[in-house]
């Protein structure tokens, strides 16, 4: 049975190592690199935006297997007015305990707490075919965009009650700490943990070489150089591209699954 409780000071190292394990293979850049999610957890705890009331761990048989951390964020409307929201991340589950409902349990528990604390909504950047299964909706449905005014699949909203965002539209901003971590910071911080061989990203060519010409051409414009990057795009958005048809979607799905990535709508 999963036990969910607030993180304590004594959990810090274990949680950071858990986060490191959960995201070690999550690189979508072309070259191997150390993940930065574990240092992000450490830095968030020191930020003014940090929400300790919503910092929870999940235990299974007395062992820490999952963690979720929240910070405040904001929507700035066209009049320059700021509306406080919440974001979470990293949300971490040890690899061998994934697909057991631990991440969903952490989300559902903290959503109840966030509503009790009086917050309107949780807004995240996340897997666009996974998080809707928990109740997230595209931010574009609410007139919410990224800081640059653009909307994209991975930006999603979970209203904590009906009408939570009525009359609120604008550009969404998270704490700058998410964008301020350097490779040097990560390398120094990672010395706290046992040595670990770097994950070698799977190149996008593994997928491109399997696709028919029209689909291959449609995907050449994607920003990511590694296969992992496809997880930031939903099945529907892929299908909307010229050159991508149902056959191509199945090739993408099977290639992703073959290499250990969850992608696409539930079958």
C-alpha atoms as a PDB file:
ATOM      1  CA  UNK A   1       0.000   0.000   0.000  1.00  0.00           C
ATOM      2  CA  UNK A   2       1.281   3.469  -0.943  1.00  0.00           C
ATOM      3  CA  UNK A   3       1.829   5.826   1.996  1.00  0.00           C
ATOM      4  CA  UNK A   4       1.978   9.549   1.175  1.00  0.00           C
ATOM      5  CA  UNK A   5       3.458  12.009   3.654  1.00  0.00           C
ATOM      6  CA  UNK A   6       5.234  15.365   3.643  1.00  0.00           C
ATOM      7  CA  UNK A   7       8.945  15.388   2.933  1.00  0.00           C
ATOM      8  CA  UNK A   8      11.183  15.883   5.967  1.00  0.00           C
ATOM      9  CA  UNK A   9      14.684  17.345   6.170  1.00  0.00           C
ATOM     10  CA  UNK A  10      16.078  13.848   6.664  1.00  0.00           C
ATOM     11  CA  UNK A  11      14.576  12.821   3.308  1.00  0.00           C
ATOM     12  CA  UNK A  12      16.515  15.400   1.266  1.00  0.00           C
ATOM     13  CA  UNK A  13      19.419  13.266   0.043  1.00  0.00           C
ATOM     14  CA  UNK A  14      17.222  10.222  -0.599  1.00  0.00           C
ATOM     15  CA  UNK A  15      14.723  12.314  -2.550  1.00  0.00           C
ATOM     16  CA  UNK A  16      17.456  13.932  -4.632  1.00  0.00           C
ATOM     17  CA  UNK A  17      18.968  10.531  -5.436  1.00  0.00           C
ATOM     18  CA  UNK A  18      15.507   9.164  -6.245  1.00  0.00           C
ATOM     19  CA  UNK A  19      14.954  12.089  -8.619  1.00  0.00           C
ATOM     20  CA  UNK A  20      18.348  11.471 -10.225  1.00  0.00           C
ATOM     21  CA  UNK A  21      17.432   7.838 -10.858  1.00  0.00           C
ATOM     22  CA  UNK A  22      14.011   8.755 -12.248  1.00  0.00           C
ATOM     23  CA  UNK A  23      15.390  11.254 -14.780  1.00  0.00           C
ATOM     24  CA  UNK A  24      18.824   9.834 -15.566  1.00  0.00           C
ATOM     25  CA  UNK A  25      17.676   8.466 -18.946  1.00  0.00           C
ATOM     26  CA  UNK A  26      15.486  11.478 -19.754  1.00  0.00           C
ATOM     27  CA  UNK A  27      17.857  13.381 -22.023  1.00  0.00           C
ATOM     28  CA  UNK A  28      16.537  14.549 -25.394  1.00  0.00           C
ATOM     29  CA  UNK A  29      19.680  16.388 -26.438  1.00  0.00           C
ATOM     30  CA  UNK A  30      22.086  14.851 -28.946  1.00  0.00           C
ATOM     31  CA  UNK A  31      24.972  14.323 -26.518  1.00  0.00           C
ATOM     32  CA  UNK A  32      25.108  12.437 -23.187  1.00  0.00           C
ATOM     33  CA  UNK A  33      24.712  14.699 -20.172  1.00  0.00           C
ATOM     34  CA  UNK A  34      23.944  14.543 -16.455  1.00  0.00           C
ATOM     35  CA  UNK A  35      20.275  15.164 -15.727  1.00  0.00           C
ATOM     36  CA  UNK A  36      19.531  18.367 -13.790  1.00  0.00           C
ATOM     37  CA  UNK A  37      16.283  17.489 -12.047  1.00  0.00           C
ATOM     38  CA  UNK A  38      17.938  16.478  -8.764  1.00  0.00           C
ATOM     39  CA  UNK A  39      19.719  19.812  -8.365  1.00  0.00           C
ATOM     40  CA  UNK A  40      16.467  21.534  -9.324  1.00  0.00           C
ATOM     41  CA  UNK A  41      14.760  19.907  -6.324  1.00  0.00           C
ATOM     42  CA  UNK A  42      17.526  21.190  -4.054  1.00  0.00           C
ATOM     43  CA  UNK A  43      17.353  24.718  -5.477  1.00  0.00           C
ATOM     44  CA  UNK A  44      13.570  24.908  -5.366  1.00  0.00           C
ATOM     45  CA  UNK A  45      13.592  24.286  -1.621  1.00  0.00           C
ATOM     46  CA  UNK A  46      15.476  27.592  -1.246  1.00  0.00           C
ATOM     47  CA  UNK A  47      13.270  29.681  -3.573  1.00  0.00           C
ATOM     48  CA  UNK A  48      10.650  32.182  -2.342  1.00  0.00           C
ATOM     49  CA  UNK A  49       8.179  30.419  -4.652  1.00  0.00           C
ATOM     50  CA  UNK A  50       8.658  27.055  -2.907  1.00  0.00           C
ATOM     51  CA  UNK A  51       5.535  25.513  -1.351  1.00  0.00           C
ATOM     52  CA  UNK A  52       6.657  23.268   1.544  1.00  0.00           C
ATOM     53  CA  UNK A  53       3.002  22.476   2.305  1.00  0.00           C
ATOM     54  CA  UNK A  54       2.860  20.610  -1.017  1.00  0.00           C
ATOM     55  CA  UNK A  55       6.190  18.790  -0.868  1.00  0.00           C
ATOM     56  CA  UNK A  56       5.270  15.112  -0.525  1.00  0.00           C
ATOM     57  CA  UNK A  57       6.930  11.716  -0.765  1.00  0.00           C
ATOM     58  CA  UNK A  58       5.414   8.321  -1.495  1.00  0.00           C
ATOM     59  CA  UNK A  59       6.527   5.235   0.425  1.00  0.00           C
ATOM     60  CA  UNK A  60       6.062   1.596  -0.498  1.00  0.00           C
ATOM     61  CA  UNK A  61       6.928  -1.004   2.138  1.00  0.00           C
ATOM     62  CA  UNK A  62       8.755   1.713   4.075  1.00  0.00           C
ATOM     63  CA  UNK A  63      10.941   2.753   1.115  1.00  0.00           C
ATOM     64  CA  UNK A  64      10.795   6.149  -0.626  1.00  0.00           C
ATOM     65  CA  UNK A  65       9.724   5.494  -4.210  1.00  0.00           C
ATOM     66  CA  UNK A  66       8.177   8.802  -5.326  1.00  0.00           C
ATOM     67  CA  UNK A  67       8.267  12.550  -4.764  1.00  0.00           C
ATOM     68  CA  UNK A  68       6.450  15.700  -5.880  1.00  0.00           C
ATOM     69  CA  UNK A  69       7.477  19.307  -5.278  1.00  0.00           C
ATOM     70  CA  UNK A  70       5.466  22.491  -5.901  1.00  0.00           C
ATOM     71  CA  UNK A  71       6.197  26.158  -6.383  1.00  0.00           C
ATOM     72  CA  UNK A  72       4.014  29.152  -7.056  1.00  0.00           C
ATOM     73  CA  UNK A  73       3.741  30.500 -10.587  1.00  0.00           C
ATOM     74  CA  UNK A  74       1.628  33.155 -12.283  1.00  0.00           C
ATOM     75  CA  UNK A  75      -0.485  34.156 -15.230  1.00  0.00           C
ATOM     76  CA  UNK A  76       0.055  37.745 -16.328  1.00  0.00           C
ATOM     77  CA  UNK A  77      -2.997  39.040 -18.192  1.00  0.00           C
ATOM     78  CA  UNK A  78      -3.130  41.680 -20.939  1.00  0.00           C
ATOM     79  CA  UNK A  79      -3.523  44.426 -18.332  1.00  0.00           C
ATOM     80  CA  UNK A  80      -0.353  43.342 -16.545  1.00  0.00           C
ATOM     81  CA  UNK A  81      -2.247  41.920 -13.569  1.00  0.00           C
ATOM     82  CA  UNK A  82      -0.687  38.841 -11.974  1.00  0.00           C
ATOM     83  CA  UNK A  83      -2.783  35.829 -10.961  1.00  0.00           C
ATOM     84  CA  UNK A  84      -1.010  33.344  -8.682  1.00  0.00           C
ATOM     85  CA  UNK A  85      -1.099  29.685  -9.709  1.00  0.00           C
ATOM     86  CA  UNK A  86       0.826  26.537  -8.854  1.00  0.00           C
ATOM     87  CA  UNK A  87       3.178  24.292 -10.762  1.00  0.00           C
ATOM     88  CA  UNK A  88       4.789  21.025  -9.780  1.00  0.00           C
ATOM     89  CA  UNK A  89       7.961  19.398 -10.903  1.00  0.00           C
ATOM     90  CA  UNK A  90       9.965  17.397 -10.850  1.00  0.00           C
ATOM     91  CA  UNK A  91       7.482  14.595 -10.218  1.00  0.00           C
ATOM     92  CA  UNK A  92       9.697  11.558  -9.671  1.00  0.00           C
ATOM     93  CA  UNK A  93       9.094   7.831  -9.333  1.00  0.00           C
ATOM     94  CA  UNK A  94      11.873   5.255  -9.159  1.00  0.00           C
ATOM     95  CA  UNK A  95      12.077   3.489 -12.552  1.00  0.00           C
ATOM     96  CA  UNK A  96      11.234   0.011 -11.255  1.00  0.00           C
ATOM     97  CA  UNK A  97       8.142   1.381  -9.503  1.00  0.00           C
ATOM     98  CA  UNK A  98       6.754   3.325 -12.456  1.00  0.00           C
ATOM     99  CA  UNK A  99       3.379   2.395 -14.000  1.00  0.00           C
ATOM    100  CA  UNK A 100       2.102   1.428 -10.541  1.00  0.00           C
ATOM    101  CA  UNK A 101      -0.038   4.520  -9.966  1.00  0.00           C
ATOM    102  CA  UNK A 102       2.433   6.224  -7.619  1.00  0.00           C
ATOM    103  CA  UNK A 103       2.725   9.418  -9.660  1.00  0.00           C
ATOM    104  CA  UNK A 104      -1.050   9.658  -9.994  1.00  0.00           C
ATOM    105  CA  UNK A 105      -1.478   9.099  -6.246  1.00  0.00           C
ATOM    106  CA  UNK A 106       0.945  11.946  -5.493  1.00  0.00           C
ATOM    107  CA  UNK A 107      -0.871  14.271  -7.881  1.00  0.00           C
ATOM    108  CA  UNK A 108      -4.340  13.477  -6.601  1.00  0.00           C
ATOM    109  CA  UNK A 109      -3.280  13.869  -2.985  1.00  0.00           C
ATOM    110  CA  UNK A 110      -1.645  17.222  -3.597  1.00  0.00           C
ATOM    111  CA  UNK A 111      -4.518  18.523  -5.740  1.00  0.00           C
ATOM    112  CA  UNK A 112      -6.810  18.101  -2.741  1.00  0.00           C
ATOM    113  CA  UNK A 113      -4.312  19.934  -0.533  1.00  0.00           C
ATOM    114  CA  UNK A 114      -3.803  22.715  -3.096  1.00  0.00           C
ATOM    115  CA  UNK A 115      -7.537  23.313  -3.343  1.00  0.00           C
ATOM    116  CA  UNK A 116      -7.793  23.383   0.452  1.00  0.00           C
ATOM    117  CA  UNK A 117      -5.070  26.044   0.487  1.00  0.00           C
ATOM    118  CA  UNK A 118      -7.193  28.200  -1.808  1.00  0.00           C
ATOM    119  CA  UNK A 119      -5.358  27.879  -5.113  1.00  0.00           C
ATOM    120  CA  UNK A 120      -7.141  28.044  -8.453  1.00  0.00           C
ATOM    121  CA  UNK A 121      -5.178  25.740 -10.739  1.00  0.00           C
ATOM    122  CA  UNK A 122      -2.053  23.712 -11.338  1.00  0.00           C
ATOM    123  CA  UNK A 123      -0.248  24.460 -14.602  1.00  0.00           C
ATOM    124  CA  UNK A 124       2.602  22.319 -15.885  1.00  0.00           C
ATOM    125  CA  UNK A 125       4.838  21.504 -18.813  1.00  0.00           C
ATOM    126  CA  UNK A 126       4.487  17.755 -19.238  1.00  0.00           C
ATOM    127  CA  UNK A 127       3.824  14.671 -21.356  1.00  0.00           C
ATOM    128  CA  UNK A 128       0.818  15.723 -23.493  1.00  0.00           C
ATOM    129  CA  UNK A 129      -0.723  12.246 -23.819  1.00  0.00           C
ATOM    130  CA  UNK A 130      -0.137  11.182 -20.189  1.00  0.00           C
ATOM    131  CA  UNK A 131      -1.331  14.068 -18.051  1.00  0.00           C
ATOM    132  CA  UNK A 132      -4.790  14.376 -19.665  1.00  0.00           C
ATOM    133  CA  UNK A 133      -5.495  10.932 -18.180  1.00  0.00           C
ATOM    134  CA  UNK A 134      -5.296  12.590 -14.759  1.00  0.00           C
ATOM    135  CA  UNK A 135      -7.561  15.478 -15.780  1.00  0.00           C
ATOM    136  CA  UNK A 136      -5.184  18.039 -17.284  1.00  0.00           C
ATOM    137  CA  UNK A 137      -6.385  20.022 -20.294  1.00  0.00           C
ATOM    138  CA  UNK A 138      -4.528  21.983 -22.939  1.00  0.00           C
ATOM    139  CA  UNK A 139      -3.711  25.500 -21.721  1.00  0.00           C
ATOM    140  CA  UNK A 140      -4.946  26.860 -25.051  1.00  0.00           C
ATOM    141  CA  UNK A 141      -8.500  25.931 -24.000  1.00  0.00           C
ATOM    142  CA  UNK A 142      -8.201  28.572 -21.264  1.00  0.00           C
ATOM    143  CA  UNK A 143      -6.435  31.254 -23.304  1.00  0.00           C
ATOM    144  CA  UNK A 144      -3.172  30.588 -21.469  1.00  0.00           C
ATOM    145  CA  UNK A 145       0.121  30.628 -23.379  1.00  0.00           C
ATOM    146  CA  UNK A 146       3.798  30.386 -22.606  1.00  0.00           C
ATOM    147  CA  UNK A 147       5.827  33.508 -21.756  1.00  0.00           C
ATOM    148  CA  UNK A 148       6.376  34.169 -25.477  1.00  0.00           C
ATOM    149  CA  UNK A 149       2.654  34.176 -26.232  1.00  0.00           C
ATOM    150  CA  UNK A 150       2.765  30.810 -27.998  1.00  0.00           C
ATOM    151  CA  UNK A 151       0.744  27.733 -27.143  1.00  0.00           C
ATOM    152  CA  UNK A 152       2.010  24.158 -27.363  1.00  0.00           C
ATOM    153  CA  UNK A 153       0.939  20.648 -26.417  1.00  0.00           C
ATOM    154  CA  UNK A 154       3.066  20.247 -23.302  1.00  0.00           C
ATOM    155  CA  UNK A 155       1.560  23.301 -21.526  1.00  0.00           C
ATOM    156  CA  UNK A 156      -1.436  21.993 -19.568  1.00  0.00           C
ATOM    157  CA  UNK A 157      -3.874  23.140 -16.896  1.00  0.00           C
ATOM    158  CA  UNK A 158      -5.629  21.313 -14.078  1.00  0.00           C
ATOM    159  CA  UNK A 159      -8.398  23.574 -12.679  1.00  0.00           C
ATOM    160  CA  UNK A 160      -8.890  22.805  -8.997  1.00  0.00           C
ATOM    161  CA  UNK A 161     -12.593  23.654  -9.183  1.00  0.00           C
ATOM    162  CA  UNK A 162     -15.200  24.572 -11.783  1.00  0.00           C
ATOM    163  CA  UNK A 163     -14.694  28.044 -13.189  1.00  0.00           C
ATOM    164  CA  UNK A 164     -11.286  28.411 -11.558  1.00  0.00           C
ATOM    165  CA  UNK A 165      -9.880  30.362 -14.502  1.00  0.00           C
ATOM    166  CA  UNK A 166     -13.008  32.237 -15.560  1.00  0.00           C
ATOM    167  CA  UNK A 167     -11.948  35.690 -16.692  1.00  0.00           C
ATOM    168  CA  UNK A 168      -8.235  34.872 -16.445  1.00  0.00           C
ATOM    169  CA  UNK A 169      -6.167  34.635 -19.609  1.00  0.00           C
ATOM    170  CA  UNK A 170      -2.601  35.538 -20.409  1.00  0.00           C
ATOM    171  CA  UNK A 171       1.010  34.445 -20.411  1.00  0.00           C
ATOM    172  CA  UNK A 172       2.223  31.844 -17.960  1.00  0.00           C
ATOM    173  CA  UNK A 173       5.470  32.258 -16.000  1.00  0.00           C
ATOM    174  CA  UNK A 174       7.290  29.895 -13.643  1.00  0.00           C
ATOM    175  CA  UNK A 175      10.168  30.566 -11.264  1.00  0.00           C
ATOM    176  CA  UNK A 176      13.366  31.531 -13.176  1.00  0.00           C
ATOM    177  CA  UNK A 177      15.223  28.778 -11.313  1.00  0.00           C
ATOM    178  CA  UNK A 178      13.859  26.298 -13.868  1.00  0.00           C
ATOM    179  CA  UNK A 179      15.874  28.017 -16.595  1.00  0.00           C
ATOM    180  CA  UNK A 180      18.962  29.105 -14.647  1.00  0.00           C
ATOM    181  CA  UNK A 181      20.834  25.849 -14.013  1.00  0.00           C
ATOM    182  CA  UNK A 182      24.185  25.482 -15.769  1.00  0.00           C
ATOM    183  CA  UNK A 183      26.045  22.313 -16.733  1.00  0.00           C
ATOM    184  CA  UNK A 184      28.782  23.355 -14.316  1.00  0.00           C
ATOM    185  CA  UNK A 185      26.244  23.588 -11.472  1.00  0.00           C
ATOM    186  CA  UNK A 186      24.971  20.118 -12.285  1.00  0.00           C
ATOM    187  CA  UNK A 187      28.427  18.543 -12.527  1.00  0.00           C
ATOM    188  CA  UNK A 188      29.430  19.922  -9.118  1.00  0.00           C
ATOM    189  CA  UNK A 189      26.160  18.938  -7.439  1.00  0.00           C
ATOM    190  CA  UNK A 190      26.256  15.434  -8.896  1.00  0.00           C
ATOM    191  CA  UNK A 191      29.489  14.690  -7.030  1.00  0.00           C
ATOM    192  CA  UNK A 192      27.318  14.045  -3.942  1.00  0.00           C
ATOM    193  CA  UNK A 193      26.023  10.844  -5.516  1.00  0.00           C
ATOM    194  CA  UNK A 194      27.521   7.501  -6.573  1.00  0.00           C
ATOM    195  CA  UNK A 195      29.258   7.526  -9.986  1.00  0.00           C
ATOM    196  CA  UNK A 196      26.921   6.537 -12.794  1.00  0.00           C
ATOM    197  CA  UNK A 197      27.507   5.921 -16.498  1.00  0.00           C
ATOM    198  CA  UNK A 198      25.959   8.612 -18.651  1.00  0.00           C
ATOM    199  CA  UNK A 199      22.905   7.693 -20.659  1.00  0.00           C
ATOM    200  CA  UNK A 200      23.519   7.796 -24.411  1.00  0.00           C
ATOM    201  CA  UNK A 201      20.487   9.393 -26.103  1.00  0.00           C
ATOM    202  CA  UNK A 202      18.858   7.440 -28.917  1.00  0.00           C
ATOM    203  CA  UNK A 203      19.198   9.549 -32.075  1.00  0.00           C
ATOM    204  CA  UNK A 204      16.080  10.752 -33.885  1.00  0.00           C
ATOM    205  CA  UNK A 205      17.368   8.994 -37.007  1.00  0.00           C
ATOM    206  CA  UNK A 206      16.301   5.672 -35.470  1.00  0.00           C
ATOM    207  CA  UNK A 207      12.714   6.810 -36.041  1.00  0.00           C
ATOM    208  CA  UNK A 208      13.213   8.864 -39.208  1.00  0.00           C
ATOM    209  CA  UNK A 209      14.787   5.933 -41.043  1.00  0.00           C
ATOM    210  CA  UNK A 210      11.664   3.819 -40.463  1.00  0.00           C
ATOM    211  CA  UNK A 211       9.157   6.348 -41.721  1.00  0.00           C
ATOM    212  CA  UNK A 212       7.880   6.723 -45.291  1.00  0.00           C
ATOM    213  CA  UNK A 213       9.294   9.782 -47.134  1.00  0.00           C
ATOM    214  CA  UNK A 214       6.397  12.188 -46.472  1.00  0.00           C
ATOM    215  CA  UNK A 215       6.345  11.450 -42.743  1.00  0.00           C
ATOM    216  CA  UNK A 216      10.119  11.643 -42.537  1.00  0.00           C
ATOM    217  CA  UNK A 217      10.054  15.071 -44.129  1.00  0.00           C
ATOM    218  CA  UNK A 218       7.318  16.230 -41.709  1.00  0.00           C
ATOM    219  CA  UNK A 219       9.441  15.314 -38.691  1.00  0.00           C
ATOM    220  CA  UNK A 220      12.728  16.762 -39.908  1.00  0.00           C
ATOM    221  CA  UNK A 221      11.738  20.123 -38.485  1.00  0.00           C
ATOM    222  CA  UNK A 222      11.410  18.919 -34.866  1.00  0.00           C
ATOM    223  CA  UNK A 223      13.788  20.680 -32.515  1.00  0.00           C
ATOM    224  CA  UNK A 224      15.029  17.669 -30.590  1.00  0.00           C
ATOM    225  CA  UNK A 225      17.920  15.572 -31.827  1.00  0.00           C
ATOM    226  CA  UNK A 226      17.098  12.529 -29.675  1.00  0.00           C
ATOM    227  CA  UNK A 227      14.116  10.190 -29.771  1.00  0.00           C
ATOM    228  CA  UNK A 228      13.054  11.240 -26.257  1.00  0.00           C
ATOM    229  CA  UNK A 229      11.982  14.625 -27.648  1.00  0.00           C
ATOM    230  CA  UNK A 230       8.925  13.001 -29.255  1.00  0.00           C
ATOM    231  CA  UNK A 231       7.434  12.608 -25.754  1.00  0.00           C
ATOM    232  CA  UNK A 232       6.791  16.372 -25.726  1.00  0.00           C
ATOM    233  CA  UNK A 233       4.422  16.052 -28.693  1.00  0.00           C
ATOM    234  CA  UNK A 234       0.962  14.514 -28.534  1.00  0.00           C
ATOM    235  CA  UNK A 235      -0.389  11.933 -30.927  1.00  0.00           C
ATOM    236  CA  UNK A 236      -3.024  14.396 -32.158  1.00  0.00           C
ATOM    237  CA  UNK A 237      -0.460  17.100 -32.923  1.00  0.00           C
ATOM    238  CA  UNK A 238       1.635  14.603 -34.864  1.00  0.00           C
ATOM    239  CA  UNK A 239      -1.385  13.446 -36.834  1.00  0.00           C
ATOM    240  CA  UNK A 240      -2.147  17.069 -37.735  1.00  0.00           C
ATOM    241  CA  UNK A 241       1.176  17.407 -39.580  1.00  0.00           C
ATOM    242  CA  UNK A 242       1.135  17.135 -43.368  1.00  0.00           C
ATOM    243  CA  UNK A 243       2.630  13.793 -44.270  1.00  0.00           C
ATOM    244  CA  UNK A 244       1.773  12.040 -41.014  1.00  0.00           C
ATOM    245  CA  UNK A 245      -1.001   9.452 -41.302  1.00  0.00           C
ATOM    246  CA  UNK A 246      -2.283   6.584 -39.151  1.00  0.00           C
ATOM    247  CA  UNK A 247       0.394   4.256 -40.499  1.00  0.00           C
ATOM    248  CA  UNK A 248       3.135   6.714 -39.529  1.00  0.00           C
ATOM    249  CA  UNK A 249       1.611   7.124 -36.060  1.00  0.00           C
ATOM    250  CA  UNK A 250       1.835   3.383 -35.505  1.00  0.00           C
ATOM    251  CA  UNK A 251       5.483   3.388 -36.590  1.00  0.00           C
ATOM    252  CA  UNK A 252       6.201   6.228 -34.161  1.00  0.00           C
ATOM    253  CA  UNK A 253       4.337   4.461 -31.348  1.00  0.00           C
ATOM    254  CA  UNK A 254       6.071   1.111 -31.887  1.00  0.00           C
ATOM    255  CA  UNK A 255       9.514   2.726 -32.188  1.00  0.00           C
ATOM    256  CA  UNK A 256       9.007   4.704 -28.989  1.00  0.00           C
ATOM    257  CA  UNK A 257       7.786   1.670 -27.075  1.00  0.00           C
ATOM    258  CA  UNK A 258      10.624  -0.472 -28.429  1.00  0.00           C
ATOM    259  CA  UNK A 259      13.086   1.966 -26.869  1.00  0.00           C
ATOM    260  CA  UNK A 260      11.272   2.202 -23.548  1.00  0.00           C
ATOM    261  CA  UNK A 261       9.340   5.457 -24.038  1.00  0.00           C
ATOM    262  CA  UNK A 262       5.648   5.777 -23.277  1.00  0.00           C
ATOM    263  CA  UNK A 263       3.981   7.675 -26.124  1.00  0.00           C
ATOM    264  CA  UNK A 264       0.579   8.141 -27.680  1.00  0.00           C
ATOM    265  CA  UNK A 265      -2.958   7.601 -26.519  1.00  0.00           C
ATOM    266  CA  UNK A 266      -3.845   4.488 -24.479  1.00  0.00           C
ATOM    267  CA  UNK A 267      -4.472   1.489 -26.715  1.00  0.00           C
END
